[in-house]
Amino acid sequence: DMRVASASPTRFVFSRASYHASRRWRAPPRLASAVPRKRTARLARRGSDFDSAPEKPPVTRMASAASSGDHSASDDAPSSPTDLAGIQAYVRSSPLWTQLRLDDASLTDTVVAHWGQVSTTLCKHLGLASDALTPDESDRVYRYYLPTYLWCVGRIDAHRTRELRENKNKTPTALVVGLSAPQGCGKTTLAAALAFCLTQNEFNVANVSLDDVYLTGQEQDVLAATNPNNELLRFRGNAGTHDVGLAVAVLKKLRGGHGGGESSVNKNIPLPRYDKTLRNGRGDRAPVDEWPLVETPVDVVLFEGWMLGFEPVSDDEVCGKIHRDLQSVNEKLRGGGYDEMHGLIDDWLVIKVGDFSWVTKWRLEQEQFARAAGKNTLSDKQVVDFVRRFIPAYALYGKQMYASLPRRGPWVRTGREG
């Protein structure tokens, strides 16, 4: 099975789900309100990733409610987003209900009506028929994506309130949410859905991936040539193959407010993008003129990555026992600026998987889907070879992160296991 974890700086929560529930997660903070304040949206105007629904949204497989073991079968799913009584009962039956710490007293007709509106928006983005959802689709919309959206709204409101209280008469910084999850388990799809819904509800969102700040293809070739015997640095992926300085600079600009180095109002910030289909599937950074723009100030930055939250170990012998080349990766993780990058993250959502071998299956599915769409991709054999270079990092850093909280700042844990 799979265990899904969600962490904020103050809490870490686990719950069980089945293998194909790879898009489920758990989010602990209590929400003061489920209805966002209306604001004037400032959407990216150049190649926006989420200002409209995708023509062919990616298909995500979800486990049925019965198979997950978390709740009863999906027989009582809402008939449509206008079935407010059904929505309320169905969302409350999810394990997320108690982990979100939603209080029954907070449920008003207005709040539940907003849930229905968000559900409609989710279905639009995912290309689903909102009045004819399958049990799996109902779970995905009402018991997974919708609660995660509510969590985000609550965290944005709490962050804004705290910022205004502590820094009066100054523009609040954006909330930066770090989403850490293995490749292929749906974090990018989920982040896009959250961004779409938040944007439709007039929050200004920046969607950034750690994958988008990989070294350029030429820089990666130089790194590989400099380390000819290190198979973990031969291709993009592990610590040392990112332009961490670019990530830090972008996050600081997006955070803006009193915490940003530059003026935070009405500036168009380019968001880096990486095209994994270039160079016959080896990938390269997209041209700058293809990067989407987001206008500041930003309300929330959704920052996702497969190795976000990984921290170096002090015992080099541990690295050698897992893989002979992992020590070099550990040195890159320790001295490559990753701690500064992590220090810019305010809240964490971590998807925890029970078996890292699933990553290979998920990546194969992704490449096959892209291949069917006519894109240049890796062959199945190349995918297997590519993914095996990540397994040592999962085995060491992933398990270490699952045992505790992702850090904030220079290797200082501020959370506690709950």
Foldseek 3Di string as FASTA:
>chain_A
DWWAWFWFLAEIDIDFFDDLQLQFHAAAAAFPAQAFDADAEFAWDFQGLAPAADPAADDGFHDAPCRTPQFDGLPQADQALVSLVSLVVVQCRAPNNVRNVYDPVNDDPVRSNVLSVLLVQLCRNRVHDRNDDDRRRSCCRRHGLSSVLSSVSRVLVVQQVVQCVVPPPWDAFAAEEEEAAAPLSCPVVSLSSSCNSCVVRRAYEAEAEQVLFFAFPVVLCVQCVVVVPAPLSNADDFQPRGPVVVLLLLLLLQRAMPSHPDHFAFDWRFHWGKDCLPPLRRTGTDDSSNTTTTTDNHHYYYYYYHCQLFAADPDLVVLCVLPVNVSVSSVSRQPVCSQVSQQSHRTYTYTGTDDPVVSLVSVLVVQVVVVVVVTRHDDNVVSVVVVVSCVSSCVPRVVVCSVAPRPHHRPDRSYGYD
